[in-house]
N, C-alpha and C. Protein backbone atom coordinates (compact mmCIF):
# COMPACT_ATOMS: atom_id res chain seq x y z
N MET A 1 76.92 115.35 169.26
CA MET A 1 76.49 114.80 168.78
C MET A 1 74.93 115.82 170.00
N GLN A 2 74.12 116.44 169.10
CA GLN A 2 73.44 117.30 169.73
C GLN A 2 72.33 116.70 169.74
N SER A 3 71.43 116.69 170.87
CA SER A 3 70.03 116.04 170.54
C SER A 3 68.98 117.43 170.59
N SER A 4 67.95 117.19 169.70
CA SER A 4 66.61 117.57 169.58
C SER A 4 65.71 117.96 170.96
N ALA A 5 64.48 118.22 170.96
CA ALA A 5 63.87 118.83 171.95
C ALA A 5 62.99 117.26 172.18
N THR A 6 62.89 116.73 170.97
CA THR A 6 62.80 114.98 171.61
C THR A 6 63.37 114.29 172.05
N GLY A 7 64.75 114.50 172.72
CA GLY A 7 65.60 113.96 173.13
C GLY A 7 66.60 112.92 172.14
N LEU A 8 66.24 113.02 170.72
CA LEU A 8 66.96 112.11 170.27
C LEU A 8 68.18 113.23 169.19
N PRO A 9 68.88 111.81 169.04
CA PRO A 9 70.05 112.78 168.18
C PRO A 9 69.64 112.86 166.83
N ASP A 10 70.22 114.75 166.79
CA ASP A 10 69.33 115.45 165.01
C ASP A 10 69.24 114.42 163.79
N ARG A 11 70.03 113.60 163.81
CA ARG A 11 69.80 113.12 162.88
C ARG A 11 68.29 112.08 162.71
N LEU A 12 68.58 111.47 163.88
CA LEU A 12 67.07 110.72 163.96
C LEU A 12 65.66 111.33 163.94
N SER A 13 65.91 112.49 164.76
CA SER A 13 65.10 113.56 164.77
C SER A 13 64.44 113.82 163.09
N ALA A 14 65.10 113.96 162.80
CA ALA A 14 65.34 114.88 160.89
C ALA A 14 64.26 113.56 160.11
N CYS A 15 64.84 112.26 160.73
CA CYS A 15 63.85 111.09 160.08
C CYS A 15 62.66 110.98 160.47
N SER A 16 62.37 111.26 162.05
CA SER A 16 60.75 110.57 162.55
C SER A 16 60.11 112.04 162.46
N SER A 17 60.75 113.12 162.33
CA SER A 17 59.80 114.15 161.86
C SER A 17 59.49 114.27 160.76
N GLY A 18 59.49 113.13 159.37
CA GLY A 18 58.88 113.14 158.33
C GLY A 18 59.40 113.84 157.39
N ALA A 19 60.94 114.57 157.69
CA ALA A 19 61.94 115.27 156.90
C ALA A 19 62.19 114.27 156.02
N ARG A 20 62.22 114.35 154.48
CA ARG A 20 62.94 113.03 153.61
C ARG A 20 64.24 114.32 153.20
N ARG A 21 65.27 113.55 153.56
CA ARG A 21 66.64 113.44 153.27
C ARG A 21 67.16 112.68 152.24
N ALA A 22 67.68 112.92 151.10
CA ALA A 22 68.67 112.05 150.79
C ALA A 22 69.48 111.04 151.34
N PRO A 23 69.49 109.78 150.92
CA PRO A 23 71.09 109.19 151.50
C PRO A 23 72.32 109.10 151.08
N PRO A 24 73.11 109.62 152.20
CA PRO A 24 74.41 110.21 152.14
C PRO A 24 74.77 109.54 151.07
N TRP A 25 74.68 108.48 150.61
CA TRP A 25 75.50 107.67 149.11
C TRP A 25 74.85 108.83 148.09
N ARG A 26 73.87 109.05 147.94
CA ARG A 26 72.94 109.56 146.61
C ARG A 26 73.77 111.21 146.87
N ALA A 27 73.80 111.51 147.85
CA ALA A 27 74.31 112.91 148.30
C ALA A 27 75.70 113.46 147.50
N VAL A 28 76.48 112.39 147.64
CA VAL A 28 77.69 112.59 147.49
C VAL A 28 78.15 112.49 145.91
N GLU A 29 78.83 113.61 145.13
CA GLU A 29 79.02 113.66 144.11
C GLU A 29 80.11 112.53 143.36
N GLN A 30 79.95 111.95 142.37
CA GLN A 30 80.58 111.10 141.56
C GLN A 30 82.26 111.42 141.15
N PRO A 31 83.43 110.77 141.83
CA PRO A 31 84.39 111.45 141.17
C PRO A 31 84.79 111.36 139.94
N LYS A 32 86.00 112.28 139.40
CA LYS A 32 86.10 112.32 138.26
C LYS A 32 86.17 111.43 137.62
N GLY A 33 87.20 110.24 138.04
CA GLY A 33 87.35 108.95 137.54
C GLY A 33 86.20 108.81 136.92
N ARG A 34 84.81 108.25 137.78
CA ARG A 34 83.68 107.74 137.44
C ARG A 34 82.63 108.52 136.62
N LYS A 35 82.94 109.76 136.46
CA LYS A 35 82.25 110.46 135.43
C LYS A 35 83.25 110.41 134.12
N LEU A 36 84.61 110.21 134.38
CA LEU A 36 85.37 110.34 132.80
C LEU A 36 84.94 109.07 132.11
N ALA A 37 84.77 107.73 133.08
CA ALA A 37 84.63 106.79 132.66
C ALA A 37 82.71 106.18 131.99
N ALA A 38 82.46 107.14 132.74
CA ALA A 38 81.01 107.81 131.71
C ALA A 38 80.84 108.13 130.63
N ASN A 39 81.50 108.88 130.34
CA ASN A 39 82.19 109.68 129.43
C ASN A 39 82.04 109.20 128.55
N GLN A 40 83.75 108.11 128.51
CA GLN A 40 84.33 107.49 127.63
C GLN A 40 83.27 106.35 127.39
N SER A 41 82.63 105.92 127.97
CA SER A 41 81.51 104.90 127.69
C SER A 41 80.32 105.00 126.78
N ALA A 42 79.43 106.10 126.81
CA ALA A 42 79.10 106.72 126.13
C ALA A 42 79.52 107.30 124.52
N ALA A 43 80.62 107.24 124.79
CA ALA A 43 81.65 108.10 123.59
C ALA A 43 81.64 106.69 122.75
N LEU A 44 82.21 106.00 123.20
CA LEU A 44 82.41 104.80 122.27
C LEU A 44 80.91 103.73 121.94
N GLN A 45 80.62 104.17 122.60
CA GLN A 45 79.12 102.88 122.08
C GLN A 45 78.88 103.15 120.72
N PRO A 46 79.20 104.00 120.34
CA PRO A 46 78.88 103.67 118.33
C PRO A 46 79.79 102.62 117.83
N TYR A 47 80.81 102.85 118.55
CA TYR A 47 81.79 102.01 117.82
C TYR A 47 81.81 100.56 118.11
N ALA A 48 81.16 100.26 119.66
CA ALA A 48 81.03 99.37 119.71
C ALA A 48 79.42 98.65 119.21
N GLN A 49 78.84 99.35 118.71
CA GLN A 49 77.66 98.95 118.00
C GLN A 49 78.37 98.52 116.50
N ALA A 50 79.10 99.20 115.82
CA ALA A 50 79.80 99.33 114.46
C ALA A 50 80.41 97.73 114.58
N LYS A 51 81.14 97.48 115.91
CA LYS A 51 81.82 96.59 116.21
C LYS A 51 81.34 95.06 116.08
N MET A 52 79.88 95.05 116.51
CA MET A 52 79.13 94.56 116.43
C MET A 52 78.42 93.76 115.08
N ASN A 53 78.16 94.97 114.34
CA ASN A 53 77.53 94.97 113.08
C ASN A 53 79.10 94.40 112.40
N VAL A 54 80.09 94.11 112.36
CA VAL A 54 81.58 93.71 111.56
C VAL A 54 81.51 92.15 112.46
N ASP A 55 81.26 92.08 113.20
CA ASP A 55 81.47 90.80 113.53
C ASP A 55 80.30 90.04 112.87
N ARG A 56 78.74 90.30 113.19
CA ARG A 56 77.67 89.75 112.60
C ARG A 56 78.16 89.19 110.67
N ALA A 57 78.60 90.31 110.41
CA ALA A 57 78.94 90.30 108.55
C ALA A 57 79.79 89.29 108.39
N ILE A 58 80.99 89.26 109.76
CA ILE A 58 82.46 88.44 109.35
C ILE A 58 81.76 86.85 109.77
N ALA A 59 80.52 86.25 110.46
CA ALA A 59 80.12 85.65 110.71
C ALA A 59 79.09 84.77 109.74
N THR A 60 78.70 85.53 108.96
CA THR A 60 77.54 85.75 107.67
C THR A 60 78.36 84.98 106.88
N ILE A 61 79.48 86.05 106.59
CA ILE A 61 80.29 85.41 105.18
C ILE A 61 81.09 83.92 105.46
N ASP A 62 81.52 83.68 106.95
CA ASP A 62 82.34 82.49 107.46
C ASP A 62 81.60 81.10 107.09
N ARG A 63 79.56 81.27 107.21
CA ARG A 63 78.92 80.58 106.91
C ARG A 63 78.98 80.41 105.60
N ALA A 64 78.79 81.17 104.71
CA ALA A 64 78.55 80.79 103.38
C ALA A 64 79.97 80.44 103.01
N LYS A 65 81.24 80.72 103.34
CA LYS A 65 82.08 80.28 102.72
C LYS A 65 81.97 78.73 103.41
N ALA A 66 81.36 78.38 104.30
CA ALA A 66 80.97 77.01 104.93
C ALA A 66 80.44 76.31 103.84
N ASP A 67 78.92 77.20 103.74
CA ASP A 67 78.12 76.38 102.67
C ASP A 67 79.05 76.21 101.38
N VAL A 68 79.45 77.28 100.40
CA VAL A 68 80.17 76.70 99.04
C VAL A 68 81.45 75.54 99.66
N THR A 69 82.04 75.49 100.34
CA THR A 69 82.96 74.77 100.53
C THR A 69 82.05 73.07 100.90
N ASN A 70 81.16 72.85 101.58
CA ASN A 70 80.10 71.85 101.76
C ASN A 70 79.25 71.72 100.44
N GLU A 71 79.26 72.46 99.33
CA GLU A 71 78.63 72.29 98.27
C GLU A 71 79.70 72.13 96.83
N VAL A 72 80.77 72.53 96.90
CA VAL A 72 81.66 72.19 96.18
C VAL A 72 82.01 70.48 96.56
N ALA A 73 82.17 70.17 97.68
CA ALA A 73 82.60 68.76 98.15
C ALA A 73 81.32 67.59 97.85
N ARG A 74 80.05 68.12 97.91
CA ARG A 74 79.18 67.62 97.48
C ARG A 74 78.87 67.48 95.50
N LEU A 75 79.58 68.46 95.10
CA LEU A 75 79.80 68.46 93.64
C LEU A 75 80.41 67.22 93.41
N ARG A 76 82.28 67.47 93.74
CA ARG A 76 82.84 66.53 93.25
C ARG A 76 82.96 65.34 93.90
N GLU A 77 82.52 64.43 95.08
CA GLU A 77 81.77 63.59 95.04
C GLU A 77 80.70 62.87 94.00
N SER A 78 79.72 63.70 93.35
CA SER A 78 78.43 63.17 92.68
C SER A 78 79.27 62.88 91.01
N GLY A 79 80.44 63.77 90.60
CA GLY A 79 81.41 64.11 90.11
C GLY A 79 80.69 64.57 88.70
N LYS A 80 80.30 65.72 89.32
CA LYS A 80 79.49 66.75 88.14
C LYS A 80 80.49 67.69 88.46
N THR A 81 81.71 68.17 88.41
CA THR A 81 82.51 69.16 88.31
C THR A 81 83.87 68.38 88.55
N PRO A 82 84.87 68.75 87.75
CA PRO A 82 86.06 68.28 87.58
C PRO A 82 86.86 68.61 89.01
N ALA A 83 87.58 67.53 89.49
CA ALA A 83 88.71 68.22 90.96
C ALA A 83 89.41 68.72 90.79
N ALA A 84 90.47 68.56 89.14
CA ALA A 84 91.31 69.57 89.15
C ALA A 84 91.24 69.89 87.58
N ARG A 85 92.08 70.56 87.05
CA ARG A 85 92.04 71.06 85.67
C ARG A 85 92.50 70.35 84.85
N PRO A 86 92.07 69.21 83.88
CA PRO A 86 92.57 68.68 82.78
C PRO A 86 94.13 69.18 82.20
N ALA A 87 94.79 67.99 81.80
CA ALA A 87 96.29 68.24 81.62
C ALA A 87 96.45 69.53 80.42
N ALA A 88 95.41 68.69 79.71
CA ALA A 88 95.37 69.58 78.02
C ALA A 88 94.86 71.17 78.33
N THR A 89 94.43 71.41 79.38
CA THR A 89 93.71 72.67 79.59
C THR A 89 94.52 73.32 80.18
N ALA A 90 95.58 72.75 81.07
CA ALA A 90 96.70 73.46 81.69
C ALA A 90 97.66 73.79 80.68
N GLU A 91 98.19 72.62 79.78
CA GLU A 91 99.17 72.84 79.05
C GLU A 91 98.71 74.23 77.83
N ARG A 92 97.38 74.21 77.78
CA ARG A 92 97.19 75.38 76.45
C ARG A 92 97.30 76.46 77.34
N ALA A 93 96.96 76.86 78.30
CA ALA A 93 97.45 77.80 79.32
C ALA A 93 98.71 78.51 79.40
N ALA A 94 98.99 77.33 79.75
CA ALA A 94 100.83 77.71 79.82
C ALA A 94 101.13 78.48 78.29
N GLN A 95 100.84 77.80 77.53
CA GLN A 95 101.15 77.76 75.46
C GLN A 95 100.92 79.87 75.61
N VAL A 96 99.32 79.70 75.93
CA VAL A 96 98.82 81.23 76.05
C VAL A 96 99.94 82.08 76.71
N GLU A 97 100.03 81.66 77.86
CA GLU A 97 101.27 82.75 78.84
C GLU A 97 102.36 82.83 78.30
N ALA A 98 102.76 81.90 77.86
CA ALA A 98 104.27 81.93 77.26
C ALA A 98 104.13 82.74 75.67
N ALA A 99 103.18 82.70 75.27
CA ALA A 99 103.11 83.54 73.84
C ALA A 99 102.46 84.90 74.12
N SER A 100 102.58 85.36 75.47
CA SER A 100 101.89 86.79 75.41
C SER A 100 103.26 87.57 75.60
N PRO A 101 103.10 88.54 75.18
CA PRO A 101 104.12 89.39 75.12
C PRO A 101 104.31 90.03 76.50
N PRO A 102 105.27 90.61 77.30
CA PRO A 102 105.46 90.75 78.72
C PRO A 102 105.11 92.18 79.03
N PRO A 103 104.57 92.62 79.76
CA PRO A 103 103.69 94.02 79.59
C PRO A 103 104.81 95.54 79.72
N PRO A 104 104.10 96.27 79.12
CA PRO A 104 105.35 97.28 78.98
C PRO A 104 105.93 98.02 79.98
N PRO A 105 107.24 98.40 80.33
CA PRO A 105 107.57 98.86 81.43
C PRO A 105 107.17 100.64 82.07
N PRO A 106 106.99 100.35 82.93
CA PRO A 106 106.33 101.76 83.41
C PRO A 106 106.71 103.32 83.10
N PRO A 107 106.13 103.61 82.43
CA PRO A 107 106.52 104.88 81.84
C PRO A 107 107.65 106.10 82.90
N PRO A 108 108.56 106.67 82.27
CA PRO A 108 110.09 107.07 83.25
C PRO A 108 109.15 108.52 83.70
N VAL A 109 109.71 108.81 85.21
CA VAL A 109 109.12 109.44 85.15
C VAL A 109 109.84 111.19 84.77
N PRO A 110 109.26 111.74 84.51
CA PRO A 110 109.90 113.05 83.41
C PRO A 110 111.09 113.85 84.66
N ALA A 111 111.39 114.80 83.78
CA ALA A 111 112.66 116.01 84.53
C ALA A 111 111.96 116.81 84.88
N GLN A 112 112.08 116.66 86.43
CA GLN A 112 111.48 117.77 87.17
C GLN A 112 112.46 117.93 88.04
N TRP A 113 112.08 119.45 89.30
CA TRP A 113 112.26 119.71 90.35
C TRP A 113 111.58 119.24 91.53
N ALA A 114 112.66 118.31 92.29
CA ALA A 114 111.38 117.28 93.49
C ALA A 114 112.22 117.44 94.68
N ALA A 115 111.69 117.18 96.20
CA ALA A 115 112.18 117.46 97.12
C ALA A 115 113.52 116.00 96.92
N ASP A 116 114.36 116.77 97.49
CA ASP A 116 115.57 116.01 98.02
C ASP A 116 115.43 115.27 98.45
N PRO A 117 115.92 113.93 97.77
CA PRO A 117 115.98 112.78 98.57
C PRO A 117 117.03 112.11 99.56
N HIS A 118 118.38 112.98 99.42
CA HIS A 118 118.91 113.16 100.53
C HIS A 118 119.07 114.22 101.65
N GLY A 119 117.95 114.89 101.73
CA GLY A 119 117.42 115.68 102.99
C GLY A 119 118.33 116.82 103.30
N ARG A 120 119.37 116.86 102.42
CA ARG A 120 120.60 118.02 102.59
C ARG A 120 119.78 119.43 102.05
N HIS A 121 118.70 119.63 101.16
CA HIS A 121 118.04 120.68 100.54
C HIS A 121 117.08 120.47 100.62
N GLN A 122 116.05 121.64 100.45
CA GLN A 122 114.27 121.30 99.63
C GLN A 122 114.11 120.79 98.59
N HIS A 123 115.01 120.94 97.02
CA HIS A 123 114.77 120.80 96.06
C HIS A 123 115.92 119.85 95.37
N ARG A 124 115.67 118.80 94.70
CA ARG A 124 117.16 118.69 93.83
C ARG A 124 116.55 118.10 92.78
N TYR A 125 116.76 118.01 91.33
CA TYR A 125 116.28 118.65 90.09
C TYR A 125 117.04 116.73 89.53
N TRP A 126 115.27 116.25 89.19
CA TRP A 126 115.54 115.07 88.78
C TRP A 126 115.71 114.80 86.98
N ASP A 127 116.29 114.21 86.38
CA ASP A 127 116.18 115.13 85.14
C ASP A 127 116.30 113.83 84.42
N GLY A 128 115.49 112.73 84.76
CA GLY A 128 114.64 112.13 83.90
C GLY A 128 114.90 110.35 84.37
N ALA A 129 116.57 110.42 84.62
CA ALA A 129 117.07 108.88 84.88
C ALA A 129 118.05 109.09 85.83
N ARG A 130 117.76 110.17 86.86
CA ARG A 130 118.65 110.22 87.37
C ARG A 130 119.01 111.70 88.42
N TRP A 131 119.05 111.79 89.60
CA TRP A 131 119.14 112.60 90.31
C TRP A 131 120.47 113.68 90.47
N THR A 132 120.46 114.79 89.91
CA THR A 132 121.42 115.73 89.19
C THR A 132 122.29 116.21 90.71
N GLU A 133 123.32 117.08 90.37
CA GLU A 133 123.67 118.07 91.30
C GLU A 133 123.40 119.05 91.38
N HIS A 134 122.27 119.85 90.82
CA HIS A 134 121.78 120.69 90.68
C HIS A 134 120.18 121.11 91.79
N VAL A 135 120.82 122.33 93.38
CA VAL A 135 119.69 122.05 94.34
C VAL A 135 119.18 123.47 94.32
N ALA A 136 118.11 123.48 95.15
CA ALA A 136 117.73 124.95 95.72
C ALA A 136 116.92 124.79 96.59
N ASN A 137 117.06 125.50 96.84
CA ASN A 137 116.76 126.25 99.30
C ASN A 137 115.97 127.75 98.52
N ASP A 138 115.05 127.55 98.88
CA ASP A 138 114.01 129.02 99.11
C ASP A 138 114.38 129.51 97.44
N GLY A 139 114.30 129.00 96.62
CA GLY A 139 114.35 129.43 95.13
C GLY A 139 115.20 130.05 94.87
N VAL A 140 116.40 129.85 95.55
CA VAL A 140 117.57 130.03 95.06
C VAL A 140 118.06 128.75 94.60
N ALA A 141 118.75 128.53 93.25
CA ALA A 141 119.10 127.31 92.89
C ALA A 141 121.00 127.58 92.85
N SER A 142 121.55 126.41 93.45
CA SER A 142 123.03 126.19 93.28
C SER A 142 123.08 124.98 92.92
N VAL A 143 124.69 124.63 93.12
CA VAL A 143 125.19 123.18 92.88
C VAL A 143 125.36 122.35 93.98
N ASP A 144 125.37 121.36 94.39
CA ASP A 144 125.99 120.70 95.57
C ASP A 144 126.16 119.00 94.85
N PRO A 145 127.77 118.71 94.62
CA PRO A 145 127.39 117.38 94.31
C PRO A 145 127.33 116.39 95.07
N LEU A 146 127.05 114.71 94.57
CA LEU A 146 126.52 114.16 95.23
C LEU A 146 127.28 113.16 95.78
């Protein structure tokens, strides 16, 4: 360590001379890992805010569900609403369901060239009921038995 004219080491003479230097821990540049962590933290801030909003909404929904459950229990105790559907109403609902015609089947898929489900060719022809042996690659049609 060198001494200055005052007889103090250079570090001490700089401090005693009134020259201000930044503390050594501030002069050191942050390691890349810390910069990355700071950047990630800043980038994730909007997502953290959105998560907080979703959590608040879920808590509000949970409170509303509890309020509804409590109100239903209170009404059942007071006798203002039936606890269950009467048997006659349930029977009538079953009759209506039985009398209803079944829903129509989905419409058939029209005949068309489509991606080969077997993966051997680019396209294979669907005739509306089944895959055929007709195939195509780069616009050239050929036959490939299934």
